[in-house]
Amino acid sequence: MEGKVHGSACQIVINEAAVCGLPFRLTVTGIVFAVLLLLSAVHVSGFLEQAKEQEALDEVSKLIDVAEQISMRGGGSEIAFELRIPQGVSVDFGALPDLEENWPEDADNYCITIGGKSTFYPAAASFSNPEFDGPFSLGPGRHMVVLSTKLEPESGRLFVLISETGVDGKT
């Protein structure tokens, strides 16, 4: 038996099932990744919108607090201060959006609008513009506002009149 090599060659069996399934697996992985990315983007967008709404609410609450305090004092009170409304935000005092004709019934409400979504809040004060004939609105940016109180002669209802003096103190 010398001269003869004993041994058998190992036969390698090639299974190509994994190669056939690879495109399917890559497609499923791509779809799952895209869905996760979309969900993350929606979540981050909602979080940023919520943060912007909270920032606007914090600024507006300054005005609401002062308005409620001076309305408790009665007519003839006046105070001035600065507000910074975030970009993409508008605030309506004394009416609900698109229902301005309901003033003065809705005068004790205010509304914060961000990206077409409006959130309504009640207040203990009634609001009006300086002409005493409707609601008052503020858009984004820095505002110097003056709040003053005045009795409406017919109903005897006390209103907080909001006027804007501008950032340089001029009307």
C-alpha atoms as a PDB file:
ATOM      1  CA  MET A   1       0.000   0.000   0.000  1.00  0.00           C
ATOM      2  CA  GLU A   2       2.911   2.135  -0.282  1.00  0.00           C
ATOM      3  CA  GLY A   3       2.607   4.584  -3.002  1.00  0.00           C
ATOM      4  CA  LYS A   4      -1.103   4.907  -2.660  1.00  0.00           C
ATOM      5  CA  VAL A   5      -2.440   7.884  -0.858  1.00  0.00           C
ATOM      6  CA  HIS A   6      -5.275   7.199   1.318  1.00  0.00           C
ATOM      7  CA  GLY A   7      -7.660   9.926   1.979  1.00  0.00           C
ATOM      8  CA  SER A   8     -10.623  11.311   0.435  1.00  0.00           C
ATOM      9  CA  ALA A   9     -11.001  14.758  -0.851  1.00  0.00           C
ATOM     10  CA  CYS A  10     -13.542  16.788   1.057  1.00  0.00           C
ATOM     11  CA  GLN A  11     -16.388  17.711  -1.054  1.00  0.00           C
ATOM     12  CA  ILE A  12     -17.643  21.247  -0.489  1.00  0.00           C
ATOM     13  CA  VAL A  13     -21.327  21.607  -0.970  1.00  0.00           C
ATOM     14  CA  ILE A  14     -22.307  25.063  -2.119  1.00  0.00           C
ATOM     15  CA  ASN A  15     -25.681  26.308  -0.904  1.00  0.00           C
ATOM     16  CA  GLU A  16     -26.768  29.461  -2.726  1.00  0.00           C
ATOM     17  CA  ALA A  17     -30.019  29.950  -0.814  1.00  0.00           C
ATOM     18  CA  ALA A  18     -28.521  32.818   1.201  1.00  0.00           C
ATOM     19  CA  VAL A  19     -27.428  34.582  -1.972  1.00  0.00           C
ATOM     20  CA  CYS A  20     -30.924  34.309  -3.423  1.00  0.00           C
ATOM     21  CA  GLY A  21     -32.478  35.755  -0.254  1.00  0.00           C
ATOM     22  CA  LEU A  22     -30.023  38.679   0.017  1.00  0.00           C
ATOM     23  CA  PRO A  23     -31.945  41.157  -2.193  1.00  0.00           C
ATOM     24  CA  PHE A  24     -35.125  40.478  -0.209  1.00  0.00           C
ATOM     25  CA  ARG A  25     -33.334  41.020   3.089  1.00  0.00           C
ATOM     26  CA  LEU A  26     -31.747  44.246   1.857  1.00  0.00           C
ATOM     27  CA  THR A  27     -35.130  45.502   0.643  1.00  0.00           C
ATOM     28  CA  VAL A  28     -36.834  44.734   3.961  1.00  0.00           C
ATOM     29  CA  THR A  29     -33.968  46.356   5.883  1.00  0.00           C
ATOM     30  CA  GLY A  30     -34.201  49.462   3.677  1.00  0.00           C
ATOM     31  CA  ILE A  31     -37.954  49.751   4.212  1.00  0.00           C
ATOM     32  CA  VAL A  32     -37.650  49.300   7.987  1.00  0.00           C
ATOM     33  CA  PHE A  33     -34.878  51.933   8.093  1.00  0.00           C
ATOM     34  CA  ALA A  34     -36.977  54.380   6.028  1.00  0.00           C
ATOM     35  CA  VAL A  35     -39.991  53.888   8.331  1.00  0.00           C
ATOM     36  CA  LEU A  36     -37.835  54.436  11.433  1.00  0.00           C
ATOM     37  CA  LEU A  37     -36.315  57.558   9.875  1.00  0.00           C
ATOM     38  CA  LEU A  38     -39.775  58.915   9.020  1.00  0.00           C
ATOM     39  CA  LEU A  39     -41.091  58.219  12.521  1.00  0.00           C
ATOM     40  CA  SER A  40     -38.052  59.907  14.042  1.00  0.00           C
ATOM     41  CA  ALA A  41     -38.524  62.974  11.831  1.00  0.00           C
ATOM     42  CA  VAL A  42     -42.214  63.223  12.780  1.00  0.00           C
ATOM     43  CA  HIS A  43     -41.356  62.870  16.470  1.00  0.00           C
ATOM     44  CA  VAL A  44     -38.616  65.525  16.306  1.00  0.00           C
ATOM     45  CA  SER A  45     -40.911  67.857  14.353  1.00  0.00           C
ATOM     46  CA  GLY A  46     -43.669  67.440  16.943  1.00  0.00           C
ATOM     47  CA  PHE A  47     -41.183  67.998  19.745  1.00  0.00           C
ATOM     48  CA  LEU A  48     -39.901  71.219  18.144  1.00  0.00           C
ATOM     49  CA  GLU A  49     -43.456  72.465  17.576  1.00  0.00           C
ATOM     50  CA  GLN A  50     -44.328  71.688  21.188  1.00  0.00           C
ATOM     51  CA  ALA A  51     -41.203  73.531  22.370  1.00  0.00           C
ATOM     52  CA  LYS A  52     -42.132  76.543  20.227  1.00  0.00           C
ATOM     53  CA  GLU A  53     -45.668  76.518  21.630  1.00  0.00           C
ATOM     54  CA  GLN A  54     -44.311  76.379  25.185  1.00  0.00           C
ATOM     55  CA  GLU A  55     -41.945  79.285  24.457  1.00  0.00           C
ATOM     56  CA  ALA A  56     -44.851  81.322  23.052  1.00  0.00           C
ATOM     57  CA  LEU A  57     -47.061  80.396  25.994  1.00  0.00           C
ATOM     58  CA  ASP A  58     -44.344  81.484  28.442  1.00  0.00           C
ATOM     59  CA  GLU A  59     -44.083  84.901  26.740  1.00  0.00           C
ATOM     60  CA  VAL A  60     -47.833  85.389  26.428  1.00  0.00           C
ATOM     61  CA  SER A  61     -48.378  84.377  30.051  1.00  0.00           C
ATOM     62  CA  LYS A  62     -46.437  87.513  31.043  1.00  0.00           C
ATOM     63  CA  LEU A  63     -49.036  89.655  29.286  1.00  0.00           C
ATOM     64  CA  ILE A  64     -51.937  87.613  30.652  1.00  0.00           C
ATOM     65  CA  ASP A  65     -50.646  87.840  34.230  1.00  0.00           C
ATOM     66  CA  VAL A  66     -50.231  91.607  34.006  1.00  0.00           C
ATOM     67  CA  ALA A  67     -53.621  92.020  32.294  1.00  0.00           C
ATOM     68  CA  GLU A  68     -55.368  90.050  35.024  1.00  0.00           C
ATOM     69  CA  GLN A  69     -53.617  92.044  37.749  1.00  0.00           C
ATOM     70  CA  ILE A  70     -54.432  95.473  36.332  1.00  0.00           C
ATOM     71  CA  SER A  71     -58.021  94.439  35.586  1.00  0.00           C
ATOM     72  CA  MET A  72     -58.438  93.690  39.309  1.00  0.00           C
ATOM     73  CA  ARG A  73     -57.367  97.277  40.085  1.00  0.00           C
ATOM     74  CA  GLY A  74     -60.141  98.739  37.956  1.00  0.00           C
ATOM     75  CA  GLY A  75     -60.187 101.399  35.256  1.00  0.00           C
ATOM     76  CA  GLY A  76     -57.325 103.772  34.614  1.00  0.00           C
ATOM     77  CA  SER A  77     -54.396 101.395  35.170  1.00  0.00           C
ATOM     78  CA  GLU A  78     -51.565 101.298  32.646  1.00  0.00           C
ATOM     79  CA  ILE A  79     -48.321  99.355  32.232  1.00  0.00           C
ATOM     80  CA  ALA A  80     -45.790  98.860  29.422  1.00  0.00           C
ATOM     81  CA  PHE A  81     -43.408  95.960  28.778  1.00  0.00           C
ATOM     82  CA  GLU A  82     -41.712  93.921  26.065  1.00  0.00           C
ATOM     83  CA  LEU A  83     -42.743  90.596  24.535  1.00  0.00           C
ATOM     84  CA  ARG A  84     -40.873  88.323  22.127  1.00  0.00           C
ATOM     85  CA  ILE A  85     -43.179  86.128  20.054  1.00  0.00           C
ATOM     86  CA  PRO A  86     -41.278  83.223  18.379  1.00  0.00           C
ATOM     87  CA  GLN A  87     -41.058  82.868  14.593  1.00  0.00           C
ATOM     88  CA  GLY A  88     -44.039  81.129  13.038  1.00  0.00           C
ATOM     89  CA  VAL A  89     -46.351  82.054  15.927  1.00  0.00           C
ATOM     90  CA  SER A  90     -49.255  84.494  16.095  1.00  0.00           C
ATOM     91  CA  VAL A  91     -51.355  85.416  19.108  1.00  0.00           C
ATOM     92  CA  ASP A  92     -54.900  86.780  19.134  1.00  0.00           C
ATOM     93  CA  PHE A  93     -56.288  88.484  22.248  1.00  0.00           C
ATOM     94  CA  GLY A  94     -60.022  88.949  22.705  1.00  0.00           C
ATOM     95  CA  ALA A  95     -61.308  86.678  19.943  1.00  0.00           C
ATOM     96  CA  LEU A  96     -60.979  83.248  18.490  1.00  0.00           C
ATOM     97  CA  PRO A  97     -59.431  82.996  14.988  1.00  0.00           C
ATOM     98  CA  ASP A  98     -61.895  83.642  12.173  1.00  0.00           C
ATOM     99  CA  LEU A  99     -64.542  84.582  14.761  1.00  0.00           C
ATOM    100  CA  GLU A 100     -63.564  88.212  15.283  1.00  0.00           C
ATOM    101  CA  GLU A 101     -67.204  89.229  14.770  1.00  0.00           C
ATOM    102  CA  ASN A 102     -67.988  87.565  18.132  1.00  0.00           C
ATOM    103  CA  TRP A 103     -66.112  90.295  19.987  1.00  0.00           C
ATOM    104  CA  PRO A 104     -66.899  91.290  22.820  1.00  0.00           C
ATOM    105  CA  GLU A 105     -68.501  87.916  23.732  1.00  0.00           C
ATOM    106  CA  ASP A 106     -65.130  86.154  23.241  1.00  0.00           C
ATOM    107  CA  ALA A 107     -63.091  89.020  24.688  1.00  0.00           C
ATOM    108  CA  ASP A 108     -61.914  86.929  27.634  1.00  0.00           C
ATOM    109  CA  ASN A 109     -60.066  84.418  25.438  1.00  0.00           C
ATOM    110  CA  TYR A 110     -56.723  84.334  23.703  1.00  0.00           C
ATOM    111  CA  CYS A 111     -55.359  82.025  21.067  1.00  0.00           C
ATOM    112  CA  ILE A 112     -51.866  80.911  20.041  1.00  0.00           C
ATOM    113  CA  THR A 113     -51.509  79.764  16.413  1.00  0.00           C
ATOM    114  CA  ILE A 114     -48.507  77.777  15.191  1.00  0.00           C
ATOM    115  CA  GLY A 115     -48.376  76.344  11.692  1.00  0.00           C
ATOM    116  CA  GLY A 116     -52.130  76.546  11.206  1.00  0.00           C
ATOM    117  CA  LYS A 117     -52.882  74.820  14.530  1.00  0.00           C
ATOM    118  CA  SER A 118     -54.647  77.031  17.054  1.00  0.00           C
ATOM    119  CA  THR A 119     -54.827  76.494  20.802  1.00  0.00           C
ATOM    120  CA  PHE A 120     -57.373  78.493  22.814  1.00  0.00           C
ATOM    121  CA  TYR A 121     -57.049  79.642  26.399  1.00  0.00           C
ATOM    122  CA  PRO A 122     -59.415  81.467  28.773  1.00  0.00           C
ATOM    123  CA  ALA A 123     -58.345  84.534  30.738  1.00  0.00           C
ATOM    124  CA  ALA A 124     -59.727  86.424  33.722  1.00  0.00           C
ATOM    125  CA  ALA A 125     -59.402  89.670  31.750  1.00  0.00           C
ATOM    126  CA  SER A 126     -61.302  90.901  28.678  1.00  0.00           C
ATOM    127  CA  PHE A 127     -59.158  92.203  25.802  1.00  0.00           C
ATOM    128  CA  SER A 128     -59.602  94.852  23.148  1.00  0.00           C
ATOM    129  CA  ASN A 129     -57.566  96.850  20.661  1.00  0.00           C
ATOM    130  CA  PRO A 130     -56.719 100.533  21.356  1.00  0.00           C
ATOM    131  CA  GLU A 131     -59.795 101.689  19.367  1.00  0.00           C
ATOM    132  CA  PHE A 132     -61.973  99.693  21.749  1.00  0.00           C
ATOM    133  CA  ASP A 133     -63.817  98.006  18.882  1.00  0.00           C
ATOM    134  CA  GLY A 134     -62.393  94.496  18.532  1.00  0.00           C
ATOM    135  CA  PRO A 135     -59.611  92.011  19.231  1.00  0.00           C
ATOM    136  CA  PHE A 136     -55.855  92.601  19.132  1.00  0.00           C
ATOM    137  CA  SER A 137     -53.254  90.418  17.370  1.00  0.00           C
ATOM    138  CA  LEU A 138     -49.486  90.066  17.594  1.00  0.00           C
ATOM    139  CA  GLY A 139     -47.237  88.337  15.089  1.00  0.00           C
ATOM    140  CA  PRO A 140     -43.722  87.008  15.517  1.00  0.00           C
ATOM    141  CA  GLY A 141     -40.947  89.305  16.707  1.00  0.00           C
ATOM    142  CA  ARG A 142     -40.158  91.755  19.462  1.00  0.00           C
ATOM    143  CA  HIS A 143     -43.042  93.955  20.644  1.00  0.00           C
ATOM    144  CA  MET A 144     -43.295  96.830  23.100  1.00  0.00           C
ATOM    145  CA  VAL A 145     -46.885  96.794  24.340  1.00  0.00           C
ATOM    146  CA  VAL A 146     -48.919  99.017  26.612  1.00  0.00           C
ATOM    147  CA  LEU A 147     -51.809  97.587  28.597  1.00  0.00           C
ATOM    148  CA  SER A 148     -54.436  99.948  29.956  1.00  0.00           C
ATOM    149  CA  THR A 149     -57.836  99.365  31.514  1.00  0.00           C
ATOM    150  CA  LYS A 150     -61.077 101.035  30.547  1.00  0.00           C
ATOM    151  CA  LEU A 151     -64.743 100.478  31.332  1.00  0.00           C
ATOM    152  CA  GLU A 152     -67.071  99.884  28.415  1.00  0.00           C
ATOM    153  CA  PRO A 153     -69.842 102.450  29.015  1.00  0.00           C
ATOM    154  CA  GLU A 154     -72.866 100.411  27.864  1.00  0.00           C
ATOM    155  CA  SER A 155     -72.224  97.160  29.743  1.00  0.00           C
ATOM    156  CA  GLY A 156     -69.900  98.436  32.473  1.00  0.00           C
ATOM    157  CA  ARG A 157     -67.478  95.639  31.565  1.00  0.00           C
ATOM    158  CA  LEU A 158     -63.801  96.340  32.229  1.00  0.00           C
ATOM    159  CA  PHE A 159     -61.470  95.766  29.269  1.00  0.00           C
ATOM    160  CA  VAL A 160     -57.697  95.592  29.006  1.00  0.00           C
ATOM    161  CA  LEU A 161     -56.725  97.593  25.932  1.00  0.00           C
ATOM    162  CA  ILE A 162     -53.552  96.367  24.230  1.00  0.00           C
ATOM    163  CA  SER A 163     -51.561  98.731  22.046  1.00  0.00           C
ATOM    164  CA  GLU A 164     -48.138  98.382  20.540  1.00  0.00           C
ATOM    165  CA  THR A 165     -45.627 101.206  20.834  1.00  0.00           C
ATOM    166  CA  GLY A 166     -42.946  99.559  18.710  1.00  0.00           C
ATOM    167  CA  VAL A 167     -39.440  98.564  19.712  1.00  0.00           C
ATOM    168  CA  ASP A 168     -38.188 102.149  19.632  1.00  0.00           C
ATOM    169  CA  GLY A 169     -40.932 103.475  21.921  1.00  0.00           C
ATOM    170  CA  LYS A 170     -42.829 105.236  19.120  1.00  0.00           C
ATOM    171  CA  THR A 171     -46.427 104.518  18.222  1.00  0.00           C
END
